[in-house]
Amino acid sequence: MQKKNVQIGGRYFARVGDNVVPVRITSEARYGNGWDAKNEATGRAIRIKSAVRLTETRAERVAANLRAGGYLR
């Protein structure tokens, strides 16, 4: 994922250690280097420093595919 595609309030999957967990982006980090997020599996606050750690959720991928005139699998 690219930095320009990350939205505040958006839900994504993030790589945290060896796990992939659902997160919700709550705000930009104070110093402009990433985002503050909430791990929806544990409720903990985390910092996402790079958009490379994020992937879109399945629902967002399907919606984007439909908007582009694609098909569902």
PDB file of N, CA and C in Angstrom:
ATOM      1  N   MET A   1       0.841  -1.161   0.000  1.00  0.00           N
ATOM      2  CA  MET A   1       0.000   0.000   0.000  1.00  0.00           C
ATOM      3  C   MET A   1       0.892   1.231   0.000  1.00  0.00           C
ATOM      4  N   GLN A   2       0.391   2.323  -0.565  1.00  0.00           N
ATOM      5  CA  GLN A   2       1.161   3.552  -0.623  1.00  0.00           C
ATOM      6  C   GLN A   2       0.635   4.570   0.386  1.00  0.00           C
ATOM      7  N   LYS A   3       1.501   5.466   0.803  1.00  0.00           N
ATOM      8  CA  LYS A   3       1.155   6.450   1.822  1.00  0.00           C
ATOM      9  C   LYS A   3      -0.050   7.290   1.414  1.00  0.00           C
ATOM     10  N   LYS A   4      -0.151   7.645   0.139  1.00  0.00           N
ATOM     11  CA  LYS A   4      -1.255   8.494  -0.317  1.00  0.00           C
ATOM     12  C   LYS A   4      -2.608   7.786  -0.246  1.00  0.00           C
ATOM     13  N   ASN A   5      -2.622   6.451  -0.150  1.00  0.00           N
ATOM     14  CA  ASN A   5      -3.868   5.692  -0.105  1.00  0.00           C
ATOM     15  C   ASN A   5      -4.382   5.450   1.308  1.00  0.00           C
ATOM     16  N   VAL A   6      -3.598   5.783   2.327  1.00  0.00           N
ATOM     17  CA  VAL A   6      -3.997   5.545   3.717  1.00  0.00           C
ATOM     18  C   VAL A   6      -4.925   6.667   4.163  1.00  0.00           C
ATOM     19  N   GLN A   7      -6.085   6.300   4.738  1.00  0.00           N
ATOM     20  CA  GLN A   7      -7.068   7.283   5.173  1.00  0.00           C
ATOM     21  C   GLN A   7      -7.268   7.190   6.681  1.00  0.00           C
ATOM     22  N   ILE A   8      -7.403   8.345   7.317  1.00  0.00           N
ATOM     23  CA  ILE A   8      -7.702   8.397   8.744  1.00  0.00           C
ATOM     24  C   ILE A   8      -9.108   7.821   8.935  1.00  0.00           C
ATOM     25  N   GLY A   9      -9.249   6.915   9.884  1.00  0.00           N
ATOM     26  CA  GLY A   9     -10.528   6.257  10.119  1.00  0.00           C
ATOM     27  C   GLY A   9     -10.696   4.979   9.303  1.00  0.00           C
ATOM     28  N   GLY A  10      -9.764   4.711   8.398  1.00  0.00           N
ATOM     29  CA  GLY A  10      -9.833   3.517   7.561  1.00  0.00           C
ATOM     30  C   GLY A  10      -9.433   2.268   8.326  1.00  0.00           C
ATOM     31  N   ARG A  11      -9.976   1.131   7.880  1.00  0.00           N
ATOM     32  CA  ARG A  11      -9.630  -0.157   8.482  1.00  0.00           C
ATOM     33  C   ARG A  11      -8.720  -0.905   7.514  1.00  0.00           C
ATOM     34  N   TYR A  12      -7.649  -1.466   8.067  1.00  0.00           N
ATOM     35  CA  TYR A  12      -6.654  -2.170   7.268  1.00  0.00           C
ATOM     36  C   TYR A  12      -6.182  -3.391   8.034  1.00  0.00           C
ATOM     37  N   PHE A  13      -5.436  -4.240   7.357  1.00  0.00           N
ATOM     38  CA  PHE A  13      -4.688  -5.290   8.021  1.00  0.00           C
ATOM     39  C   PHE A  13      -3.247  -4.811   8.097  1.00  0.00           C
ATOM     40  N   ALA A  14      -2.619  -5.013   9.238  1.00  0.00           N
ATOM     41  CA  ALA A  14      -1.233  -4.573   9.432  1.00  0.00           C
ATOM     42  C   ALA A  14      -0.388  -5.740   9.912  1.00  0.00           C
ATOM     43  N   ARG A  15       0.851  -5.781   9.437  1.00  0.00           N
ATOM     44  CA  ARG A  15       1.797  -6.767   9.938  1.00  0.00           C
ATOM     45  C   ARG A  15       2.379  -6.218  11.240  1.00  0.00           C
ATOM     46  N   VAL A  16       2.142  -6.932  12.322  1.00  0.00           N
ATOM     47  CA  VAL A  16       2.679  -6.562  13.633  1.00  0.00           C
ATOM     48  C   VAL A  16       3.460  -7.766  14.132  1.00  0.00           C
ATOM     49  N   GLY A  17       4.771  -7.663  14.081  1.00  0.00           N
ATOM     50  CA  GLY A  17       5.600  -8.825  14.413  1.00  0.00           C
ATOM     51  C   GLY A  17       5.385  -9.910  13.362  1.00  0.00           C
ATOM     52  N   ASP A  18       5.056 -11.115  13.805  1.00  0.00           N
ATOM     53  CA  ASP A  18       4.796 -12.218  12.883  1.00  0.00           C
ATOM     54  C   ASP A  18       3.323 -12.342  12.528  1.00  0.00           C
ATOM     55  N   ASN A  19       2.487 -11.485  13.093  1.00  0.00           N
ATOM     56  CA  ASN A  19       1.040 -11.602  12.915  1.00  0.00           C
ATOM     57  C   ASN A  19       0.504 -10.540  11.959  1.00  0.00           C
ATOM     58  N   VAL A  20      -0.633 -10.839  11.360  1.00  0.00           N
ATOM     59  CA  VAL A  20      -1.386  -9.861  10.581  1.00  0.00           C
ATOM     60  C   VAL A  20      -2.674  -9.612  11.340  1.00  0.00           C
ATOM     61  N   VAL A  21      -2.893  -8.363  11.756  1.00  0.00           N
ATOM     62  CA  VAL A  21      -4.028  -8.032  12.617  1.00  0.00           C
ATOM     63  C   VAL A  21      -4.846  -6.897  11.994  1.00  0.00           C
ATOM     64  N   PRO A  22      -6.144  -6.852  12.291  1.00  0.00           N
ATOM     65  CA  PRO A  22      -6.964  -5.732  11.811  1.00  0.00           C
ATOM     66  C   PRO A  22      -6.700  -4.491  12.651  1.00  0.00           C
ATOM     67  N   VAL A  23      -6.530  -3.356  11.992  1.00  0.00           N
ATOM     68  CA  VAL A  23      -6.299  -2.099  12.684  1.00  0.00           C
ATOM     69  C   VAL A  23      -7.194  -1.014  12.105  1.00  0.00           C
ATOM     70  N   ARG A  24      -7.444   0.004  12.928  1.00  0.00           N
ATOM     71  CA  ARG A  24      -8.158   1.194  12.470  1.00  0.00           C
ATOM     72  C   ARG A  24      -7.222   2.379  12.683  1.00  0.00           C
ATOM     73  N   ILE A  25      -6.983   3.154  11.618  1.00  0.00           N
ATOM     74  CA  ILE A  25      -6.114   4.322  11.702  1.00  0.00           C
ATOM     75  C   ILE A  25      -6.876   5.421  12.442  1.00  0.00           C
ATOM     76  N   THR A  26      -6.293   5.941  13.523  1.00  0.00           N
ATOM     77  CA  THR A  26      -6.977   6.956  14.324  1.00  0.00           C
ATOM     78  C   THR A  26      -6.494   8.373  14.021  1.00  0.00           C
ATOM     79  N   SER A  27      -5.218   8.540  13.680  1.00  0.00           N
ATOM     80  CA  SER A  27      -4.692   9.877  13.379  1.00  0.00           C
ATOM     81  C   SER A  27      -3.309   9.747  12.766  1.00  0.00           C
ATOM     82  N   GLU A  28      -2.823  10.877  12.234  1.00  0.00           N
ATOM     83  CA  GLU A  28      -1.426  10.906  11.805  1.00  0.00           C
ATOM     84  C   GLU A  28      -0.564  11.014  13.042  1.00  0.00           C
ATOM     85  N   ALA A  29       0.626  10.472  12.971  1.00  0.00           N
ATOM     86  CA  ALA A  29       1.547  10.573  14.101  1.00  0.00           C
ATOM     87  C   ALA A  29       1.915  12.042  14.330  1.00  0.00           C
ATOM     88  N   ARG A  30       2.213  12.375  15.545  1.00  0.00           N
ATOM     89  CA  ARG A  30       2.482  13.775  15.903  1.00  0.00           C
ATOM     90  C   ARG A  30       3.590  14.410  15.088  1.00  0.00           C
ATOM     91  N   TYR A  31       4.599  13.640  14.777  1.00  0.00           N
ATOM     92  CA  TYR A  31       5.753  14.218  14.103  1.00  0.00           C
ATOM     93  C   TYR A  31       5.771  13.915  12.608  1.00  0.00           C
ATOM     94  N   GLY A  32       4.666  13.452  12.073  1.00  0.00           N
ATOM     95  CA  GLY A  32       4.537  13.268  10.636  1.00  0.00           C
ATOM     96  C   GLY A  32       5.154  12.009  10.067  1.00  0.00           C
ATOM     97  N   ASN A  33       5.613  11.100  10.903  1.00  0.00           N
ATOM     98  CA  ASN A  33       6.254   9.885  10.393  1.00  0.00           C
ATOM     99  C   ASN A  33       5.376   8.667  10.648  1.00  0.00           C
ATOM    100  N   GLY A  34       4.245   8.597   9.974  1.00  0.00           N
ATOM    101  CA  GLY A  34       3.386   7.434  10.108  1.00  0.00           C
ATOM    102  C   GLY A  34       2.032   7.781  10.695  1.00  0.00           C
ATOM    103  N   TRP A  35       1.390   6.771  11.293  1.00  0.00           N
ATOM    104  CA  TRP A  35       0.035   6.922  11.811  1.00  0.00           C
ATOM    105  C   TRP A  35      -0.093   6.262  13.166  1.00  0.00           C
ATOM    106  N   ASP A  36      -1.005   6.789  13.955  1.00  0.00           N
ATOM    107  CA  ASP A  36      -1.415   6.134  15.186  1.00  0.00           C
ATOM    108  C   ASP A  36      -2.625   5.277  14.827  1.00  0.00           C
ATOM    109  N   ALA A  37      -2.685   4.072  15.364  1.00  0.00           N
ATOM    110  CA  ALA A  37      -3.759   3.148  15.033  1.00  0.00           C
ATOM    111  C   ALA A  37      -4.163   2.371  16.270  1.00  0.00           C
ATOM    112  N   LYS A  38      -5.292   1.701  16.168  1.00  0.00           N
ATOM    113  CA  LYS A  38      -5.768   0.851  17.250  1.00  0.00           C
ATOM    114  C   LYS A  38      -5.863  -0.574  16.727  1.00  0.00           C
ATOM    115  N   ASN A  39      -5.201  -1.488  17.412  1.00  0.00           N
ATOM    116  CA  ASN A  39      -5.285  -2.899  17.077  1.00  0.00           C
ATOM    117  C   ASN A  39      -6.676  -3.373  17.479  1.00  0.00           C
ATOM    118  N   GLU A  40      -7.492  -3.757  16.511  1.00  0.00           N
ATOM    119  CA  GLU A  40      -8.870  -4.127  16.812  1.00  0.00           C
ATOM    120  C   GLU A  40      -8.986  -5.502  17.456  1.00  0.00           C
ATOM    121  N   ALA A  41      -7.947  -6.296  17.385  1.00  0.00           N
ATOM    122  CA  ALA A  41      -7.980  -7.615  18.019  1.00  0.00           C
ATOM    123  C   ALA A  41      -7.729  -7.503  19.526  1.00  0.00           C
ATOM    124  N   THR A  42      -6.842  -6.579  19.922  1.00  0.00           N
ATOM    125  CA  THR A  42      -6.492  -6.454  21.339  1.00  0.00           C
ATOM    126  C   THR A  42      -6.943  -5.148  21.973  1.00  0.00           C
ATOM    127  N   GLY A  43      -7.272  -4.147  21.160  1.00  0.00           N
ATOM    128  CA  GLY A  43      -7.651  -2.843  21.686  1.00  0.00           C
ATOM    129  C   GLY A  43      -6.476  -1.940  21.999  1.00  0.00           C
ATOM    130  N   ARG A  44      -5.264  -2.401  21.765  1.00  0.00           N
ATOM    131  CA  ARG A  44      -4.068  -1.614  22.069  1.00  0.00           C
ATOM    132  C   ARG A  44      -3.799  -0.571  20.997  1.00  0.00           C
ATOM    133  N   ALA A  45      -3.204   0.545  21.417  1.00  0.00           N
ATOM    134  CA  ALA A  45      -2.764   1.581  20.489  1.00  0.00           C
ATOM    135  C   ALA A  45      -1.403   1.178  19.926  1.00  0.00           C
ATOM    136  N   ILE A  46      -1.224   1.357  18.627  1.00  0.00           N
ATOM    137  CA  ILE A  46       0.050   1.031  17.980  1.00  0.00           C
ATOM    138  C   ILE A  46       0.433   2.170  17.049  1.00  0.00           C
ATOM    139  N   ARG A  47       1.693   2.200  16.647  1.00  0.00           N
ATOM    140  CA  ARG A  47       2.186   3.171  15.688  1.00  0.00           C
ATOM    141  C   ARG A  47       2.555   2.434  14.415  1.00  0.00           C
ATOM    142  N   ILE A  48       2.019   2.885  13.298  1.00  0.00           N
ATOM    143  CA  ILE A  48       2.375   2.345  11.988  1.00  0.00           C
ATOM    144  C   ILE A  48       3.331   3.353  11.368  1.00  0.00           C
ATOM    145  N   LYS A  49       4.573   2.965  11.178  1.00  0.00           N
ATOM    146  CA  LYS A  49       5.571   3.905  10.675  1.00  0.00           C
ATOM    147  C   LYS A  49       5.675   3.912   9.156  1.00  0.00           C
ATOM    148  N   SER A  50       5.183   2.849   8.508  1.00  0.00           N
ATOM    149  CA  SER A  50       5.322   2.767   7.064  1.00  0.00           C
ATOM    150  C   SER A  50       4.061   2.161   6.453  1.00  0.00           C
ATOM    151  N   ALA A  51       3.640   2.707   5.328  1.00  0.00           N
ATOM    152  CA  ALA A  51       2.462   2.185   4.631  1.00  0.00           C
ATOM    153  C   ALA A  51       2.711   0.781   4.086  1.00  0.00           C
ATOM    154  N   VAL A  52       3.950   0.376   3.989  1.00  0.00           N
ATOM    155  CA  VAL A  52       4.284  -0.959   3.504  1.00  0.00           C
ATOM    156  C   VAL A  52       3.728  -2.027   4.441  1.00  0.00           C
ATOM    157  N   ARG A  53       3.575  -1.715   5.716  1.00  0.00           N
ATOM    158  CA  ARG A  53       3.034  -2.674   6.684  1.00  0.00           C
ATOM    159  C   ARG A  53       1.533  -2.873   6.566  1.00  0.00           C
ATOM    160  N   LEU A  54       0.842  -2.020   5.793  1.00  0.00           N
ATOM    161  CA  LEU A  54      -0.611  -2.072   5.692  1.00  0.00           C
ATOM    162  C   LEU A  54      -1.066  -2.754   4.411  1.00  0.00           C
ATOM    163  N   THR A  55      -2.174  -3.468   4.497  1.00  0.00           N
ATOM    164  CA  THR A  55      -2.870  -3.987   3.321  1.00  0.00           C
ATOM    165  C   THR A  55      -4.343  -3.682   3.502  1.00  0.00           C
ATOM    166  N   GLU A  56      -5.044  -3.498   2.401  1.00  0.00           N
ATOM    167  CA  GLU A  56      -6.457  -3.169   2.504  1.00  0.00           C
ATOM    168  C   GLU A  56      -7.258  -4.394   2.928  1.00  0.00           C
ATOM    169  N   THR A  57      -8.415  -4.152   3.506  1.00  0.00           N
ATOM    170  CA  THR A  57      -9.270  -5.262   3.922  1.00  0.00           C
ATOM    171  C   THR A  57      -9.941  -5.874   2.704  1.00  0.00           C
ATOM    172  N   ARG A  58     -10.448  -7.052   2.852  1.00  0.00           N
ATOM    173  CA  ARG A  58     -11.114  -7.752   1.745  1.00  0.00           C
ATOM    174  C   ARG A  58     -12.313  -6.956   1.241  1.00  0.00           C
ATOM    175  N   ALA A  59     -13.100  -6.360   2.130  1.00  0.00           N
ATOM    176  CA  ALA A  59     -14.284  -5.600   1.732  1.00  0.00           C
ATOM    177  C   ALA A  59     -13.899  -4.401   0.862  1.00  0.00           C
ATOM    178  N   GLU A  60     -12.827  -3.707   1.224  1.00  0.00           N
ATOM    179  CA  GLU A  60     -12.389  -2.567   0.427  1.00  0.00           C
ATOM    180  C   GLU A  60     -11.867  -3.014  -0.931  1.00  0.00           C
ATOM    181  N   ARG A  61     -11.200  -4.148  -0.976  1.00  0.00           N
ATOM    182  CA  ARG A  61     -10.695  -4.671  -2.244  1.00  0.00           C
ATOM    183  C   ARG A  61     -11.846  -5.016  -3.178  1.00  0.00           C
ATOM    184  N   VAL A  62     -12.903  -5.637  -2.656  1.00  0.00           N
ATOM    185  CA  VAL A  62     -14.068  -6.000  -3.466  1.00  0.00           C
ATOM    186  C   VAL A  62     -14.767  -4.744  -3.972  1.00  0.00           C
ATOM    187  N   ALA A  63     -14.937  -3.742  -3.093  1.00  0.00           N
ATOM    188  CA  ALA A  63     -15.595  -2.498  -3.492  1.00  0.00           C
ATOM    189  C   ALA A  63     -14.813  -1.793  -4.599  1.00  0.00           C
ATOM    190  N   ALA A  64     -13.503  -1.753  -4.486  1.00  0.00           N
ATOM    191  CA  ALA A  64     -12.673  -1.126  -5.512  1.00  0.00           C
ATOM    192  C   ALA A  64     -12.775  -1.891  -6.823  1.00  0.00           C
ATOM    193  N   ASN A  65     -12.836  -3.197  -6.739  1.00  0.00           N
ATOM    194  CA  ASN A  65     -12.962  -4.022  -7.930  1.00  0.00           C
ATOM    195  C   ASN A  65     -14.303  -3.761  -8.630  1.00  0.00           C
ATOM    196  N   LEU A  66     -15.367  -3.645  -7.860  1.00  0.00           N
ATOM    197  CA  LEU A  66     -16.682  -3.370  -8.439  1.00  0.00           C
ATOM    198  C   LEU A  66     -16.746  -1.980  -9.061  1.00  0.00           C
ATOM    199  N   ARG A  67     -16.139  -0.989  -8.396  1.00  0.00           N
ATOM    200  CA  ARG A  67     -16.123   0.362  -8.957  1.00  0.00           C
ATOM    201  C   ARG A  67     -15.384   0.400 -10.285  1.00  0.00           C
ATOM    202  N   ALA A  68     -14.359  -0.425 -10.400  1.00  0.00           N
ATOM    203  CA  ALA A  68     -13.565  -0.457 -11.630  1.00  0.00           C
ATOM    204  C   ALA A  68     -14.225  -1.317 -12.711  1.00  0.00           C
ATOM    205  N   GLY A  69     -15.380  -1.881 -12.424  1.00  0.00           N
ATOM    206  CA  GLY A  69     -16.058  -2.709 -13.422  1.00  0.00           C
ATOM    207  C   GLY A  69     -15.542  -4.117 -13.486  1.00  0.00           C
ATOM    208  N   GLY A  70     -14.841  -4.532 -12.447  1.00  0.00           N
ATOM    209  CA  GLY A  70     -14.289  -5.886 -12.408  1.00  0.00           C
ATOM    210  C   GLY A  70     -15.347  -6.902 -12.017  1.00  0.00           C
ATOM    211  N   TYR A  71     -14.927  -8.091 -11.783  1.00  0.00           N
ATOM    212  CA  TYR A  71     -15.841  -9.171 -11.408  1.00  0.00           C
ATOM    213  C   TYR A  71     -15.452  -9.722 -10.049  1.00  0.00           C
ATOM    214  N   LEU A  72     -16.367 -10.403  -9.443  1.00  0.00           N
ATOM    215  CA  LEU A  72     -16.108 -11.034  -8.145  1.00  0.00           C
ATOM    216  C   LEU A  72     -15.628 -12.452  -8.337  1.00  0.00           C
ATOM    217  N   ARG A  73     -14.759 -12.889  -7.468  1.00  0.00           N
ATOM    218  CA  ARG A  73     -14.330 -14.288  -7.500  1.00  0.00           C
ATOM    219  C   ARG A  73     -14.921 -15.008  -6.344  1.00  0.00           C
TER     220      ARG A  73
END
